[in-house]
Protein backbone atom coordinates (compact mmCIF):
# COMPACT_ATOMS: atom_id res chain seq x y z
CA UNK A 1 50.88 -26.56 173.07
CA UNK A 2 48.87 -29.21 174.90
CA UNK A 3 46.65 -28.73 177.93
CA UNK A 4 48.37 -28.71 181.31
CA UNK A 5 45.25 -28.55 183.48
CA UNK A 6 42.02 -30.56 183.22
CA UNK A 7 39.09 -29.13 185.18
CA UNK A 8 36.26 -31.63 185.46
CA UNK A 9 32.62 -31.21 186.25
CA UNK A 10 31.49 -34.20 188.30
CA UNK A 11 27.82 -35.19 187.96
CA UNK A 12 27.15 -36.39 184.43
CA UNK A 13 30.82 -36.08 183.49
CA UNK A 14 32.71 -38.43 185.80
CA UNK A 15 29.82 -39.84 187.82
CA UNK A 16 26.72 -41.47 186.33
CA UNK A 17 24.34 -39.73 188.73
CA UNK A 18 21.50 -38.85 186.34
CA UNK A 19 19.42 -41.98 187.11
CA UNK A 20 19.70 -41.18 190.82
CA UNK A 21 18.81 -37.53 190.17
CA UNK A 22 15.64 -38.64 188.40
CA UNK A 23 14.78 -41.09 191.17
CA UNK A 24 14.80 -38.36 193.85
CA UNK A 25 13.67 -35.30 191.86
CA UNK A 26 9.97 -35.63 192.65
CA UNK A 27 10.71 -36.19 196.33
CA UNK A 28 12.70 -32.93 196.34
CA UNK A 29 9.95 -31.20 194.37
CA UNK A 30 7.34 -32.22 196.97
CA UNK A 31 9.60 -31.08 199.80
CA UNK A 32 10.24 -27.62 198.35
CA UNK A 33 6.96 -26.94 196.59
CA UNK A 34 7.62 -27.07 192.88
CA UNK A 35 6.19 -29.26 190.17
CA UNK A 36 7.05 -32.90 189.67
CA UNK A 37 8.49 -34.21 186.41
CA UNK A 38 6.61 -36.92 184.53
CA UNK A 39 8.82 -39.62 182.95
CA UNK A 40 7.51 -38.64 179.51
CA UNK A 41 8.96 -35.13 179.97
CA UNK A 42 12.51 -36.19 180.80
CA UNK A 43 13.98 -36.38 177.30
CA UNK A 44 12.57 -32.99 176.27
CA UNK A 45 13.83 -31.35 179.44
CA UNK A 46 17.32 -32.77 178.89
CA UNK A 47 17.44 -30.58 175.75
CA UNK A 48 16.33 -27.50 177.69
CA UNK A 49 18.68 -25.19 179.55
CA UNK A 50 18.78 -25.15 183.34
CA UNK A 51 16.81 -21.91 183.57
CA UNK A 52 14.16 -23.28 181.20
CA UNK A 53 13.84 -26.41 183.33
CA UNK A 54 13.47 -24.29 186.48
CA UNK A 55 10.70 -22.29 184.83
CA UNK A 56 8.98 -25.48 183.69
CA UNK A 57 8.76 -26.87 187.22
CA UNK A 58 8.04 -23.48 188.80
CA UNK A 59 11.24 -23.30 190.83
CA UNK A 60 12.21 -19.71 191.70
CA UNK A 61 15.93 -18.97 191.91
CA UNK A 62 15.82 -18.63 195.70
CA UNK A 63 14.72 -22.26 196.03
CA UNK A 64 17.62 -23.61 194.00
CA UNK A 65 20.11 -23.71 196.92
CA UNK A 66 17.51 -25.50 199.04
CA UNK A 67 16.82 -28.09 196.36
CA UNK A 68 20.54 -28.54 195.72
CA UNK A 69 21.17 -29.09 199.43
CA UNK A 70 18.45 -31.74 199.54
CA UNK A 71 19.95 -33.51 196.54
CA UNK A 72 23.42 -33.53 198.11
CA UNK A 73 22.04 -34.88 201.38
CA UNK A 74 20.15 -37.67 199.63
CA UNK A 75 23.20 -38.49 197.56
CA UNK A 76 25.39 -38.63 200.67
CA UNK A 77 23.07 -41.34 201.97
CA UNK A 78 23.22 -43.26 198.69
CA UNK A 79 26.72 -42.86 197.25
CA UNK A 80 26.83 -46.64 196.81
CA UNK A 81 24.21 -46.15 194.08
CA UNK A 82 26.34 -43.69 192.09
CA UNK A 83 28.91 -45.35 189.84
CA UNK A 84 31.60 -43.69 187.82
CA UNK A 85 31.14 -44.01 184.09
CA UNK A 86 32.98 -47.01 182.64
CA UNK A 87 36.70 -46.39 182.08
CA UNK A 88 36.72 -43.03 183.89
CA UNK A 89 39.06 -44.54 186.47
CA UNK A 90 41.46 -45.67 183.75
CA UNK A 91 41.37 -42.26 182.03
CA UNK A 92 42.11 -40.39 185.26
CA UNK A 93 45.02 -42.67 186.05
CA UNK A 94 46.46 -42.23 182.56
CA UNK A 95 46.22 -38.45 182.82
CA UNK A 96 47.74 -38.42 186.29
CA UNK A 97 50.70 -40.41 184.99
CA UNK A 98 51.28 -37.72 182.38
CA UNK A 99 51.80 -34.00 182.69
CA UNK A 100 48.13 -33.01 183.20
CA UNK A 101 46.97 -31.68 186.57
CA UNK A 102 43.51 -32.93 187.55
CA UNK A 103 40.96 -30.75 189.35
CA UNK A 104 37.21 -30.79 189.95
CA UNK A 105 34.74 -27.88 190.00
CA UNK A 106 31.31 -29.15 191.02
CA UNK A 107 28.06 -28.06 192.58
CA UNK A 108 28.08 -31.32 194.53
CA UNK A 109 29.78 -31.58 197.93
CA UNK A 110 33.44 -32.50 198.22
CA UNK A 111 32.55 -35.36 200.53
CA UNK A 112 30.15 -36.86 197.97
CA UNK A 113 32.69 -36.43 195.18
CA UNK A 114 35.47 -38.08 197.15
CA UNK A 115 33.27 -40.97 198.26
CA UNK A 116 32.10 -41.75 194.73
CA UNK A 117 35.64 -41.50 193.36
CA UNK A 118 37.02 -43.72 196.10
CA UNK A 119 40.31 -43.12 197.90
CA UNK A 120 42.59 -44.36 195.11
CA UNK A 121 41.19 -41.89 192.57
CA UNK A 122 40.47 -39.07 195.02
CA UNK A 123 44.18 -38.60 195.74
CA UNK A 124 44.82 -37.97 192.03
CA UNK A 125 42.78 -34.74 192.19
CA UNK A 126 44.98 -31.78 193.08
CA UNK A 127 42.13 -29.35 193.82
CA UNK A 128 38.46 -29.67 194.76
CA UNK A 129 36.22 -26.63 194.31
CA UNK A 130 32.88 -28.08 195.37
CA UNK A 131 29.55 -26.92 196.71
CA UNK A 132 29.41 -24.06 194.23
CA UNK A 133 26.14 -22.82 192.74
CA UNK A 134 25.53 -24.15 189.24
CA UNK A 135 25.48 -20.48 188.17
CA UNK A 136 28.72 -19.61 189.99
CA UNK A 137 31.38 -21.85 188.49
CA UNK A 138 33.34 -19.11 186.72
CA UNK A 139 34.91 -17.73 189.90
CA UNK A 140 35.85 -21.24 191.03
CA UNK A 141 37.49 -21.99 187.69
CA UNK A 142 39.53 -18.82 188.05
CA UNK A 143 40.53 -19.85 191.56
CA UNK A 144 41.69 -23.24 190.31
CA UNK A 145 43.77 -21.56 187.60
CA UNK A 146 45.38 -19.21 190.10
CA UNK A 147 46.25 -21.95 192.58
CA UNK A 148 47.62 -24.20 189.83
CA UNK A 149 49.60 -21.30 188.33
CA UNK A 150 48.28 -22.23 184.89
CA UNK A 151 47.23 -19.74 182.22
CA UNK A 152 43.63 -20.03 180.98
CA UNK A 153 44.84 -20.97 177.50
CA UNK A 154 46.51 -24.07 178.95
CA UNK A 155 43.40 -25.33 180.76
CA UNK A 156 40.37 -27.31 179.62
CA UNK A 157 37.01 -27.54 181.38
CA UNK A 158 35.16 -30.80 180.72
CA UNK A 159 31.41 -30.84 181.35
CA UNK A 160 27.97 -31.98 180.29
CA UNK A 161 25.80 -28.85 180.43
CA UNK A 162 25.62 -25.55 178.60
CA UNK A 163 26.18 -23.72 181.89
CA UNK A 164 29.57 -25.44 182.08
CA UNK A 165 30.46 -24.06 178.66
CA UNK A 166 29.37 -20.56 179.63
CA UNK A 167 31.38 -20.62 182.86
CA UNK A 168 34.48 -21.87 181.07
CA UNK A 169 34.25 -19.21 178.37
CA UNK A 170 33.84 -16.43 180.93
CA UNK A 171 37.05 -17.64 182.58
CA UNK A 172 38.85 -17.76 179.22
CA UNK A 173 39.11 -21.55 179.32
CA UNK A 174 38.37 -23.97 176.49
CA UNK A 175 35.34 -26.22 176.91
CA UNK A 176 35.03 -29.91 176.07
CA UNK A 177 31.56 -31.50 175.88
CA UNK A 178 30.92 -35.12 176.80
CA UNK A 179 28.38 -37.25 174.95
CA UNK A 180 27.09 -39.18 177.97
CA UNK A 181 25.92 -36.57 180.50
CA UNK A 182 22.75 -34.85 181.64
CA UNK A 183 22.44 -32.82 178.42
CA UNK A 184 22.52 -34.55 175.02
CA UNK A 185 25.41 -33.67 172.74
CA UNK A 186 22.99 -32.05 170.26
CA UNK A 187 22.17 -29.42 172.89
CA UNK A 188 25.82 -28.92 173.80
CA UNK A 189 26.84 -28.40 170.19
CA UNK A 190 24.73 -25.25 170.14
CA UNK A 191 27.37 -23.62 172.37
CA UNK A 192 30.16 -24.74 170.01
CA UNK A 193 32.45 -26.75 172.29
CA UNK A 194 36.15 -26.64 171.50
CA UNK A 195 36.38 -30.42 171.83
CA UNK A 196 34.05 -33.40 172.22
CA UNK A 197 34.50 -36.76 173.93
CA UNK A 198 32.31 -39.57 172.67
CA UNK A 199 33.29 -42.17 175.30
CA UNK A 200 34.55 -41.85 178.89
CA UNK A 201 37.71 -43.75 177.99
CA UNK A 202 38.56 -41.04 175.45
CA UNK A 203 39.13 -38.55 178.29
CA UNK A 204 42.68 -39.90 178.41
CA UNK A 205 43.26 -38.05 175.12
CA UNK A 206 43.23 -34.71 176.98
CA UNK A 207 46.99 -35.12 177.41
CA UNK A 208 47.52 -34.90 173.64
CA UNK A 209 44.89 -32.36 172.59
CA UNK A 210 46.12 -29.06 171.24
CA UNK A 211 45.16 -26.19 173.54
CA UNK A 212 42.81 -23.53 172.22
CA UNK A 213 41.99 -20.07 173.43
CA UNK A 214 38.30 -20.09 174.25
CA UNK A 215 37.51 -16.59 175.55
CA UNK A 216 34.69 -15.25 173.34
CA UNK A 217 32.50 -12.17 173.44
């Protein structure tokens, strides 16, 4: 049995937004009163989990929604600076021509996601579950499954962070890790992804992958 539903993360998975994230992080840190990141720290922090990074910069959990809102606002003013990864457009079109439903679950805003995708790709997405907390994706994944009338075993969540893997597993959905996102693949392999994609163009292979049950204790 192959996957019938592809659930994509957006930032770091479809959109190459990490350089922009780095360019505005210290501005957001100054605005909300947590520590800046020095360029020399970036690679080490990419290997750390989200909670570890928050502790490193002294960001309490209650400030996360405020920082996320600032990032989304800044991105809305600069969507022209956020490209899709090369060949993502081709992969999405290939999947849409097949029997795979395309959906997005993202902490970014739906408006930002649609604008970066552009109108021709945006219409290929059957569901947008956006604006969710980075710690709250599980419930949105379940909502997508329910609306699509697809069993968890027939769905695949594709993302670039360990939190994506954890959310997928809690929803009983297989997880595929990408090699080009915010977190390096070495960090993602620690959560034992069901599949890996080494290049954005290879996302088109979702249509032929064998589905796996991913719910784990």
